Protein backbone atom coordinates (compact mmCIF):
# COMPACT_ATOMS: atom_id res chain seq x y z
CA MET A 1 -179.17 146.08 284.26
CA ASN A 2 -180.14 149.60 285.79
CA ALA A 3 -182.47 150.21 282.84
CA ILE A 4 -184.49 147.19 283.74
CA LYS A 5 -184.59 148.00 287.37
CA ASN A 6 -185.78 151.54 286.60
CA MET A 7 -188.62 150.38 284.40
CA LEU A 8 -189.94 147.15 285.93
CA THR A 9 -191.66 146.84 289.17
CA ALA A 10 -190.94 143.53 291.07
CA ALA A 11 -194.49 142.44 290.28
CA ALA A 12 -194.31 143.28 286.61
CA PHE A 13 -190.85 141.53 286.27
CA MET A 14 -192.27 138.42 287.89
CA ALA A 15 -195.40 138.49 285.75
CA CYS A 16 -193.16 139.10 282.64
CA THR A 17 -195.71 138.09 279.95
CA GLY A 18 -198.11 140.89 281.03
CA LEU A 19 -200.96 141.44 278.62
CA ALA A 20 -199.21 140.12 275.47
CA ALA A 21 -201.49 138.23 273.11
CA GLN A 22 -198.58 136.58 271.61
CA ASP A 23 -196.85 134.79 274.61
CA PHE A 24 -194.53 132.34 272.89
CA THR A 25 -194.55 130.15 276.07
CA GLY A 26 -197.53 127.90 275.55
CA GLU A 27 -198.25 125.01 273.17
CA PRO A 28 -197.62 125.56 269.42
CA VAL A 29 -200.60 127.12 267.79
CA MET A 30 -200.67 124.24 265.27
CA ASN A 31 -201.84 121.86 268.00
CA SER A 32 -205.17 123.63 267.98
CA LEU A 33 -205.68 123.63 264.14
CA LYS A 34 -207.72 120.77 262.88
CA SER A 35 -208.61 121.30 259.22
CA PRO A 36 -206.50 119.62 256.58
CA GLU A 37 -205.90 122.97 254.86
CA ALA A 38 -204.52 124.44 258.15
CA GLN A 39 -202.20 121.48 258.53
CA GLN A 40 -201.05 121.75 254.94
CA THR A 41 -200.33 125.33 255.50
CA VAL A 42 -198.30 124.45 258.67
CA GLU A 43 -196.23 122.06 256.55
CA LEU A 44 -195.74 124.77 253.98
CA VAL A 45 -194.40 127.24 256.56
CA LYS A 46 -191.97 124.58 257.80
CA LYS A 47 -190.67 123.96 254.27
CA VAL A 48 -190.27 127.60 253.45
CA ASN A 49 -188.48 128.52 256.72
CA ASN A 50 -186.27 125.37 256.70
CA ALA A 51 -185.24 126.17 253.11
CA TRP A 52 -184.42 129.83 254.11
CA MET A 53 -182.31 128.71 257.11
CA MET A 54 -180.49 126.16 255.15
CA ARG A 55 -179.27 128.86 252.60
CA HIS A 56 -178.68 131.75 255.00
CA ASN A 57 -176.71 132.23 258.12
CA ALA A 58 -178.28 133.50 261.27
CA GLU A 59 -175.26 135.63 262.12
CA VAL A 60 -176.28 138.72 260.15
CA SER A 61 -176.85 142.32 261.00
CA GLY A 62 -179.91 143.42 263.16
CA PHE A 63 -180.67 146.16 260.65
CA TRP A 64 -184.23 146.03 259.10
CA VAL A 65 -183.34 143.90 256.13
CA HIS A 66 -182.85 140.82 258.31
CA GLY A 67 -184.77 142.05 261.37
CA ALA A 68 -188.03 141.92 259.23
CA TYR A 69 -187.37 138.24 258.33
CA MET A 70 -186.83 137.48 261.97
CA THR A 71 -190.39 138.62 262.80
CA GLY A 72 -191.61 136.13 260.33
CA ASN A 73 -189.38 133.49 261.87
CA MET A 74 -190.73 134.09 265.31
CA ALA A 75 -194.38 133.75 263.99
CA ALA A 76 -193.31 130.44 262.49
CA TYR A 77 -191.95 129.44 265.83
CA GLU A 78 -195.07 130.34 267.64
CA LEU A 79 -197.07 128.32 265.00
CA THR A 80 -194.99 125.21 264.96
CA GLY A 81 -192.80 125.10 268.17
CA GLU A 82 -189.80 124.07 265.94
CA LYS A 83 -186.71 124.40 268.19
CA ASP A 84 -184.55 125.12 265.08
CA TYR A 85 -186.45 128.43 264.52
CA LEU A 86 -185.83 129.41 268.17
CA ASP A 87 -182.13 128.46 268.01
CA TYR A 88 -181.84 130.39 264.78
CA ALA A 89 -183.31 133.55 266.38
CA ILE A 90 -181.06 133.20 269.49
CA ARG A 91 -177.99 132.93 267.30
CA PHE A 92 -179.06 136.16 265.44
CA ALA A 93 -179.64 137.97 268.72
CA ARG A 94 -176.30 136.75 270.28
CA TYR A 95 -174.44 137.84 267.19
CA ASN A 96 -175.93 141.33 267.58
CA LYS A 97 -175.29 141.37 271.30
CA TRP A 98 -179.05 141.78 271.92
CA SER A 99 -178.69 145.31 270.49
CA GLY A 100 -179.48 147.42 267.54
CA ALA A 101 -177.20 150.41 266.68
CA THR A 102 -174.51 150.31 269.49
CA GLU A 103 -173.49 153.97 270.26
CA LYS A 104 -173.37 154.47 273.96
CA ASP A 105 -173.33 158.27 274.06
CA LYS A 106 -176.95 159.35 274.08
CA SER A 107 -176.00 162.81 272.89
CA LYS A 108 -174.95 161.28 269.61
CA TRP A 109 -178.09 159.19 268.96
CA GLN A 110 -179.70 160.11 265.63
CA TYR A 111 -182.99 159.57 263.72
CA LYS A 112 -183.82 162.47 261.50
CA THR A 113 -181.93 161.12 258.39
CA TYR A 114 -181.42 157.75 256.99
CA GLY A 115 -178.51 156.02 258.51
CA GLU A 116 -176.93 152.60 258.79
CA GLY A 117 -174.21 153.69 261.25
CA MET A 118 -173.96 152.92 265.02
CA GLN A 119 -175.11 156.52 265.93
CA HIS A 120 -178.51 156.01 264.46
CA VAL A 121 -179.87 154.37 267.57
CA LEU A 122 -183.21 156.10 267.41
CA PHE A 123 -183.70 155.36 263.67
CA ALA A 124 -186.41 152.74 263.60
CA ASP A 125 -184.64 150.49 261.05
CA TRP A 126 -182.20 149.76 263.86
CA GLN A 127 -184.98 148.99 266.44
CA ILE A 128 -186.94 146.14 264.65
CA CYS A 129 -184.50 143.60 266.04
CA PHE A 130 -185.85 144.57 269.49
CA GLN A 131 -189.13 142.79 268.59
CA THR A 132 -187.39 139.51 268.32
CA TYR A 133 -185.45 140.08 271.48
CA ILE A 134 -188.61 140.80 273.43
CA ASP A 135 -190.18 137.61 272.07
CA LEU A 136 -187.15 135.71 273.16
CA TYR A 137 -187.30 137.28 276.53
CA LYS A 138 -190.86 136.09 276.95
CA ILE A 139 -189.60 132.57 276.36
CA GLU A 140 -186.76 132.75 278.88
CA HIS A 141 -186.74 135.65 281.22
CA ARG A 142 -182.98 136.67 280.84
CA ALA A 143 -182.61 140.34 281.61
CA GLU A 144 -179.83 140.95 279.07
CA ARG A 145 -182.27 140.16 276.24
CA ILE A 146 -184.14 143.44 276.64
CA GLU A 147 -181.71 145.67 278.52
CA ARG A 148 -180.71 147.57 275.48
CA ALA A 149 -184.25 147.72 274.14
CA LEU A 150 -185.37 149.12 277.47
CA GLU A 151 -182.54 151.68 277.48
CA VAL A 152 -183.29 152.94 273.96
CA MET A 153 -187.03 153.09 274.04
CA ASN A 154 -187.23 154.49 277.56
CA HIS A 155 -184.99 157.29 276.44
CA GLN A 156 -186.97 157.93 273.38
CA ALA A 157 -190.21 157.91 275.40
CA THR A 158 -188.84 160.78 277.52
CA MET A 159 -187.76 162.91 274.59
CA PRO A 160 -189.91 165.90 273.57
CA ASP A 161 -189.70 165.03 269.87
CA VAL A 162 -192.48 163.16 268.06
CA ASP A 163 -191.07 163.05 264.52
CA PHE A 164 -189.20 159.85 264.74
CA TRP A 165 -191.23 157.96 262.11
CA TRP A 166 -190.96 160.22 259.05
CA TRP A 167 -191.20 157.34 256.61
CA SER A 168 -193.89 154.59 256.49
CA ASP A 169 -191.60 151.66 256.99
CA ALA A 170 -190.89 152.92 260.50
CA LEU A 171 -194.41 152.07 261.52
CA TYR A 172 -193.45 148.39 261.20
CA MET A 173 -189.83 148.71 262.40
CA GLY A 174 -190.16 150.81 265.52
CA MET A 175 -193.77 151.53 266.43
CA PRO A 176 -194.59 147.98 267.68
CA VAL A 177 -191.62 147.92 269.92
CA PHE A 178 -193.33 150.36 272.32
CA SER A 179 -196.40 148.32 272.78
CA LYS A 180 -194.41 145.01 272.90
CA LEU A 181 -192.34 146.46 275.79
CA TYR A 182 -195.42 147.73 277.44
CA THR A 183 -196.62 144.18 277.88
CA ILE A 184 -193.73 143.62 280.13
CA THR A 185 -193.28 146.89 281.93
CA HIS A 186 -196.79 148.38 281.93
CA ASP A 187 -195.20 151.80 281.66
CA GLU A 188 -197.72 154.16 280.20
CA ARG A 189 -195.02 156.45 278.88
CA LEU A 190 -194.30 153.95 276.16
CA LEU A 191 -197.87 154.04 274.86
CA ASP A 192 -198.00 157.83 275.23
CA LYS A 193 -194.97 158.33 273.05
CA GLN A 194 -196.10 155.64 270.64
CA TYR A 195 -199.45 157.46 270.09
CA GLU A 196 -197.93 160.89 269.89
CA SER A 197 -195.32 159.79 267.30
CA PHE A 198 -197.87 157.86 265.14
CA LYS A 199 -200.33 160.85 265.22
CA TRP A 200 -197.58 162.97 263.90
CA THR A 201 -196.77 160.56 261.09
CA ASP A 202 -200.47 159.97 260.36
CA GLU A 203 -200.92 163.67 259.87
CA GLN A 204 -198.06 163.87 257.46
CA LEU A 205 -198.57 160.77 255.39
CA PHE A 206 -202.17 159.49 255.60
CA ASP A 207 -204.38 160.32 252.50
CA LYS A 208 -208.02 160.27 253.89
CA ASP A 209 -209.54 160.06 250.30
CA CYS A 210 -207.58 157.04 249.12
CA LYS A 211 -207.24 155.65 252.70
CA LEU A 212 -203.51 154.84 252.05
CA TYR A 213 -200.18 156.25 253.37
CA TYR A 214 -197.54 157.94 251.35
CA ARG A 215 -194.08 156.42 251.72
CA ASP A 216 -192.73 159.73 253.02
CA GLY A 217 -193.05 163.46 252.64
CA LYS A 218 -191.23 163.43 249.26
CA TYR A 219 -194.05 161.52 247.69
CA VAL A 220 -197.18 163.40 248.94
CA TYR A 221 -199.33 164.46 246.15
CA PRO A 222 -198.81 166.52 244.01
CA LYS A 223 -194.98 166.31 244.56
CA VAL A 224 -195.06 162.97 242.77
CA LYS A 225 -197.70 161.87 240.19
CA THR A 226 -198.34 158.56 238.50
CA ALA A 227 -198.59 157.84 234.86
CA CYS A 228 -202.29 157.25 235.31
CA ASN A 229 -203.92 160.64 234.99
CA ASP A 230 -201.30 162.30 237.07
CA GLY A 231 -202.67 160.47 240.08
CA LYS A 232 -201.41 159.82 243.62
CA SER A 233 -198.44 157.55 244.19
CA PHE A 234 -198.55 154.92 246.85
CA TRP A 235 -195.92 152.26 247.21
CA ALA A 236 -197.18 148.71 248.00
CA ARG A 237 -194.45 147.75 250.48
CA GLY A 238 -194.69 151.06 252.19
CA ASP A 239 -198.34 150.56 252.94
CA GLY A 240 -197.63 146.92 253.71
CA TRP A 241 -195.40 148.07 256.54
CA VAL A 242 -198.13 150.20 257.98
CA LEU A 243 -200.98 147.73 257.83
CA ALA A 244 -198.76 144.99 259.42
CA GLY A 245 -197.40 147.48 261.97
CA LEU A 246 -200.92 148.46 263.07
CA ALA A 247 -201.84 144.86 263.44
CA LYS A 248 -198.83 144.26 265.81
CA VAL A 249 -199.80 147.35 267.84
CA LEU A 250 -203.37 146.19 268.24
CA GLN A 251 -202.23 142.73 269.29
CA ASP A 252 -200.45 144.17 272.25
CA LEU A 253 -202.48 147.19 273.24
CA PRO A 254 -204.84 146.69 276.17
CA LYS A 255 -208.36 146.13 275.04
CA LYS A 256 -209.88 149.20 276.67
CA HIS A 257 -206.92 151.53 276.38
CA LYS A 258 -207.63 155.21 275.51
CA TYR A 259 -205.62 155.13 272.34
CA ARG A 260 -207.12 151.91 270.88
CA LYS A 261 -210.04 153.33 269.03
CA PHE A 262 -207.80 155.51 266.80
CA TYR A 263 -205.49 152.59 265.93
CA GLU A 264 -208.52 150.49 265.13
CA LYS A 265 -210.09 153.19 262.95
CA ARG A 266 -206.87 153.67 260.85
CA PHE A 267 -206.35 149.88 260.63
CA LYS A 268 -209.83 149.31 259.26
CA GLU A 269 -209.61 152.34 256.91
CA LEU A 270 -206.26 151.20 255.51
CA ALA A 271 -207.63 147.69 255.05
CA GLN A 272 -210.43 149.19 252.92
CA GLY A 273 -207.85 151.23 250.90
CA VAL A 274 -205.66 148.24 250.34
CA ALA A 275 -208.48 145.96 249.34
CA ALA A 276 -209.83 148.43 246.78
CA CYS A 277 -206.68 148.28 244.59
CA GLN A 278 -205.65 144.61 244.50
CA GLN A 279 -204.85 143.35 241.05
CA GLU A 280 -206.94 140.65 239.50
CA GLY A 281 -203.98 138.29 239.80
CA GLY A 282 -204.07 138.50 243.57
CA TYR A 283 -201.09 140.77 244.00
CA TRP A 284 -200.62 144.45 244.66
CA SER A 285 -198.58 146.27 242.11
CA ARG A 286 -195.70 148.31 243.29
CA SER A 287 -197.52 151.54 242.49
CA MET A 288 -200.82 150.70 244.03
CA LEU A 289 -203.05 152.90 241.96
CA CYS A 290 -201.17 152.71 238.68
CA GLU A 291 -199.47 149.54 237.75
CA ASP A 292 -198.09 151.17 234.49
CA ASP A 293 -195.52 152.93 236.85
CA ALA A 294 -193.91 149.59 237.61
CA PRO A 295 -195.68 146.70 235.92
CA GLY A 296 -195.72 143.06 237.15
CA TYR A 297 -195.85 140.90 240.30
CA GLU A 298 -194.60 142.02 243.70
CA THR A 299 -194.56 139.82 246.76
CA SER A 300 -193.29 141.85 249.73
CA GLY A 301 -196.20 144.36 249.80
CA THR A 302 -198.64 141.73 248.83
CA ALA A 303 -197.49 139.37 251.72
CA PHE A 304 -197.67 142.10 254.29
CA PHE A 305 -201.18 143.12 253.05
CA THR A 306 -202.14 139.42 253.25
CA TYR A 307 -200.89 139.18 256.80
CA GLY A 308 -202.63 142.39 257.92
CA LEU A 309 -206.01 141.37 256.38
CA LEU A 310 -205.85 137.85 257.72
CA TRP A 311 -204.86 139.09 261.16
CA GLY A 312 -207.84 141.52 261.00
CA VAL A 313 -210.26 138.75 260.16
CA ASN A 314 -208.78 136.27 262.59
CA ASN A 315 -209.06 138.82 265.42
CA GLY A 316 -212.56 140.15 264.68
CA TYR A 317 -211.58 143.62 263.24
CA LEU A 318 -212.50 142.84 259.70
CA LYS A 319 -215.44 140.99 258.40
CA ALA A 320 -214.53 137.65 256.87
CA SER A 321 -217.41 137.95 254.34
CA LYS A 322 -216.08 141.30 253.09
CA TYR A 323 -212.47 140.30 252.68
CA LYS A 324 -212.74 136.59 251.64
CA LYS A 325 -212.24 137.10 247.98
CA VAL A 326 -209.35 139.45 248.52
CA ILE A 327 -207.66 136.90 250.91
CA ASP A 328 -208.44 134.02 248.53
CA LYS A 329 -206.81 135.69 245.56
CA ALA A 330 -203.82 136.97 247.58
CA TRP A 331 -203.14 133.45 249.05
CA LYS A 332 -203.41 131.99 245.48
CA TYR A 333 -200.71 134.44 244.31
CA LEU A 334 -198.53 133.81 247.31
CA THR A 335 -198.67 130.03 246.90
CA GLU A 336 -198.74 129.61 243.13
CA VAL A 337 -196.66 132.52 241.96
CA ALA A 338 -194.42 133.84 244.66
CA LEU A 339 -193.61 130.46 246.13
CA GLN A 340 -190.92 128.69 244.00
CA LYS A 341 -190.18 124.99 243.55
CA ASP A 342 -187.21 125.20 245.88
CA TYR A 343 -189.43 126.90 248.60
CA SER A 344 -187.81 130.27 248.01
CA ILE A 345 -189.99 133.35 247.83
CA GLY A 346 -189.69 135.27 244.61
CA TYR A 347 -190.89 138.46 242.87
CA CYS A 348 -189.87 140.53 245.85
CA GLN A 349 -188.84 144.19 245.05
CA PRO A 350 -185.27 144.79 246.16
CA ILE A 351 -184.43 147.40 248.83
CA GLY A 352 -185.85 150.80 247.80
CA GLU A 353 -188.47 153.34 248.67
CA LYS A 354 -190.75 153.67 245.70
CA PRO A 355 -192.24 151.87 242.67
CA ASP A 356 -189.09 151.58 240.70
CA PRO A 357 -189.40 149.96 237.25
CA THR A 358 -185.65 149.95 236.72
CA ARG A 359 -185.21 147.20 239.42
CA THR A 360 -185.62 143.51 238.42
CA VAL A 361 -188.43 141.76 240.10
CA ASP A 362 -188.68 138.06 238.95
CA GLU A 363 -188.88 134.60 240.33
CA ASP A 364 -185.30 134.83 241.53
CA SER A 365 -186.00 138.09 243.50
CA GLU A 366 -185.66 136.73 247.02
CA TRP A 367 -185.05 139.03 250.00
CA PRO A 368 -185.13 138.41 253.83
CA PHE A 369 -187.92 140.86 254.35
CA GLY A 370 -190.06 139.19 251.63
CA THR A 371 -189.63 135.79 253.05
CA GLY A 372 -190.45 137.18 256.51
CA ALA A 373 -193.60 138.79 255.18
CA TRP A 374 -194.66 135.51 253.39
CA LEU A 375 -194.21 133.54 256.65
CA LEU A 376 -196.28 136.07 258.65
CA ALA A 377 -199.12 135.78 256.05
CA ALA A 378 -198.87 131.97 256.01
CA CYS A 379 -198.97 131.63 259.77
CA GLU A 380 -202.11 133.78 259.81
CA TYR A 381 -203.59 131.82 256.94
CA ALA A 382 -203.11 128.62 258.93
CA LYS A 383 -205.09 130.17 261.85
CA TYR A 384 -207.72 131.40 259.38
CA CYS A 385 -208.28 127.80 258.11
CA LYS A 386 -208.31 126.42 261.75
């Protein structure tokens, strides 16, 4: 409890919801959606999420694999107001004791290498669950829901290090946690560390010519080349994490904040880079500029891109006229190819870090993060249709 007392003023604690655009405490979004297409999309969201919950327990690890699905589940709750979605998220959070990695000794906290152990507290893949806990806190202001998140992120904000997000996935897993917590605490240190850390990652991984992000330093050209004229290798889900993560940061960052222009600039540039390499079938291939590297459909990257582009249009950052064809083709793929008859989401590349042609990707390739990404995209599509 001391972590909360140290970071929240009495006024901020009473205000709780702060500047958050996504409040989770009002009427379900679907109540404001009038078009038949929007209502049909809402029903599709329910069918997909209900099918997922029937087949999978909520009592699973808070690590990124399931944590990413939970961000989609919370978007579905915001859209529909379905109590089952809220209950499912709470069960997940309670099972994980409202924590990520659980090591208590701060001197043992790690992040510089990949790690699934309890000492990797500062490793962003263990922090994505905090996004769901924060959303649940905004619904019911129970201090234990964000106590661990505050302890971990406040400690990270006071460290001199800035190299926390050395792989692109981290920009969805960990980066949005800072701005989400800011909407509760209004502590500028969170936004300072978020910006400093993102700038470091951006300098390492952003390719200004292609307007895309490399997955991590191992893949920066010319270390890895594609089969297409020895070109640059960009992994779809890796860039999907970034576009979606930037959307989540912009959602919570104050409108006139000093860092906002840089995030907006990168969001728009990345959207341009993404749109330029969509396949005719509406999906993005695993190797974004060279489908020959890993041929065929892929849903997880496609769904995160669709979510990011839709969010950008819905919130005035991207021109609808410019991105309509891209969105239409992507939505057609997500509903006619990725969506299966049993309402599972197929063609999702398994856990990995690159365009890997040795991994099977077919209609039965269902993963938590792929379903979560599909839900995020579908919720934004419902708003897009209005």
